[in-house]
Protein backbone atom coordinates (compact mmCIF):
# COMPACT_ATOMS: atom_id res chain seq x y z
CA MET A 1 0.10 0.11 0.03
CA PHE A 2 2.74 2.51 0.88
CA GLY A 3 4.74 1.50 -2.22
CA ALA A 4 1.81 2.32 -4.35
CA ILE A 5 1.71 5.89 -2.54
CA GLU A 6 5.61 6.16 -3.06
CA SER A 7 5.33 5.27 -6.79
CA THR A 8 2.65 7.63 -7.37
CA LEU A 9 4.43 10.58 -5.54
CA LYS A 10 7.71 9.65 -7.59
CA ALA A 11 5.84 9.56 -10.77
CA SER A 12 4.24 12.98 -10.16
CA SER A 13 7.36 14.66 -8.66
CA PRO A 14 8.33 16.37 -11.62
CA GLU A 15 4.66 17.90 -11.84
CA VAL A 16 4.80 18.67 -8.32
CA SER A 17 8.14 20.57 -8.70
CA SER A 18 7.07 22.33 -11.61
CA GLY A 19 3.74 23.35 -9.97
CA SER A 20 5.81 24.27 -6.82
CA MET A 21 7.88 26.67 -8.99
CA ALA A 22 4.81 28.13 -10.40
CA ARG A 23 3.45 28.59 -7.20
CA ALA A 24 6.89 30.45 -6.02
CA LYS A 25 6.47 32.66 -8.89
CA VAL A 26 3.13 33.81 -7.96
CA VAL A 27 4.25 34.47 -4.42
CA GLN A 28 7.13 36.53 -5.91
CA SER A 29 4.75 38.28 -8.15
CA ASN A 30 2.27 38.95 -5.23
CA GLU A 31 4.95 40.17 -3.00
CA ALA A 32 6.14 42.37 -5.70
CA LEU A 33 2.66 43.73 -6.18
CA LYS A 34 2.34 44.47 -2.26
CA ALA A 35 5.73 46.14 -2.21
CA GLN A 36 4.25 48.34 -5.04
CA GLN A 37 0.88 49.11 -3.42
CA MET A 38 2.81 49.96 -0.29
CA GLN A 39 4.90 52.57 -2.00
CA GLN A 40 1.59 54.12 -3.85
CA PRO A 41 0.10 55.00 -0.42
CA ALA A 42 3.24 56.71 0.73
CA GLU A 43 3.35 58.83 -2.72
CA LYS A 44 -0.32 59.55 -2.11
CA LYS A 45 0.36 60.55 1.17
CA GLU A 46 3.23 62.83 -0.09
CA ALA A 47 1.23 64.33 -2.80
CA GLN A 48 -1.75 65.08 -0.09
CA THR A 49 0.93 66.52 2.17
CA GLU A 50 2.02 69.02 -0.55
CA GLN A 51 -1.46 69.85 -1.46
CA ALA A 52 -2.32 70.63 2.37
CA ALA A 53 0.99 72.73 2.49
CA GLU A 54 -0.05 74.72 -0.50
CA ALA A 55 -3.52 75.15 0.90
CA SER A 56 -2.10 76.31 3.98
CA GLN A 57 0.27 78.68 2.42
CA GLU A 58 -2.31 80.19 0.44
CA MET A 59 -4.68 80.43 3.63
CA LEU A 60 -1.62 82.21 5.49
CA GLU A 61 -1.17 84.56 2.76
CA THR A 62 -4.74 85.69 2.56
CA LEU A 63 -4.95 86.00 6.31
CA THR A 64 -1.98 88.28 6.10
CA ASN A 65 -3.32 90.49 3.57
CA ASP A 66 -6.51 90.77 5.47
CA LEU A 67 -4.69 91.66 8.72
CA ASP A 68 -2.76 94.29 6.60
CA MET A 69 -6.04 95.71 5.49
CA LEU A 70 -7.43 95.75 9.13
CA HIS A 71 -4.91 98.33 9.97
CA HIS A 72 -6.09 100.74 7.34
CA VAL A 73 -9.94 100.30 8.50
CA GLY A 74 -11.74 102.14 11.13
CA LEU A 75 -15.06 101.62 12.78
CA GLN A 76 -17.67 104.35 13.53
CA PHE A 77 -20.76 103.71 16.03
CA SER A 78 -23.95 105.74 15.66
CA VAL A 79 -27.46 105.66 16.56
CA HIS A 80 -30.10 106.05 13.72
CA GLU A 81 -32.30 109.14 14.45
CA THR A 82 -35.79 107.94 13.89
CA THR A 83 -35.37 104.03 14.64
CA GLY A 84 -33.10 104.45 17.45
CA ARG A 85 -31.14 101.44 16.35
CA THR A 86 -27.17 101.20 16.38
CA MET A 87 -25.35 101.54 13.10
CA ILE A 88 -21.74 100.61 12.44
CA LYS A 89 -19.95 102.31 9.59
CA VAL A 90 -16.37 100.72 8.34
CA ILE A 91 -14.40 103.62 6.94
CA ASN A 92 -10.97 103.40 5.13
CA LYS A 93 -8.73 105.65 7.47
CA ASP A 94 -6.47 106.60 4.50
CA THR A 95 -9.14 108.07 2.40
CA ASN A 96 -12.18 108.36 4.65
CA ASP A 97 -14.19 106.51 2.17
CA LEU A 98 -17.28 104.48 3.36
CA ILE A 99 -16.53 100.72 2.90
CA ARG A 100 -19.80 99.31 4.56
CA GLU A 101 -22.73 100.22 6.62
CA ILE A 102 -24.35 97.80 9.06
CA PRO A 103 -27.37 97.85 8.65
CA PRO A 104 -27.57 100.05 5.79
CA GLU A 105 -29.06 103.55 6.63
CA GLY A 106 -31.47 103.28 3.68
CA LEU A 107 -32.74 100.20 5.25
CA LEU A 108 -33.18 101.93 8.60
CA ASN A 109 -34.96 104.81 7.03
CA LEU A 110 -37.46 102.43 4.81
CA ALA A 111 -38.29 100.96 8.51
CA ALA A 112 -38.76 104.34 10.13
CA LYS A 113 -41.28 105.01 7.31
CA MET A 114 -43.02 101.88 7.82
CA GLN A 115 -43.46 102.69 11.51
CA GLU A 116 -44.81 106.13 10.55
CA MET A 117 -47.26 104.38 8.11
CA LEU A 118 -48.47 101.94 10.66
CA GLY A 119 -48.97 104.66 12.96
CA ILE A 120 -51.12 106.32 10.50
CA LEU A 121 -53.16 103.67 9.85
CA PHE A 122 -53.79 102.16 13.55
CA ASP A 123 -53.95 104.67 16.32
CA LYS A 124 -53.83 102.16 19.23
CA LYS A 125 -51.76 99.21 19.88
CA VAL A 126 -53.49 96.16 21.18
């Protein structure tokens, strides 16, 4: 019985050795692919790091420009006469130009007119 198994193994040994060589090649190619895949994430991480660094640099430049602009900007606070609401005016210190008004004076004038119209239509508050 054991002789039959030995003779079968001996007879199939060239196939086994060629099969094991094929398996060894497959294992080697798999190892090469894994090594390549390990390098690709490292390259991707480097590319992502470079992109993040560029974005950070752009953001810092924008922030620096904004801070420089803040040195040339002044704020004026006032109270709207008819509505009694606070207004803020953002003014360029160098040229005294109005940059922005919060809330816009025209809007406060409109609100005052609407209150006046409501007062004309309705005499009493309920």
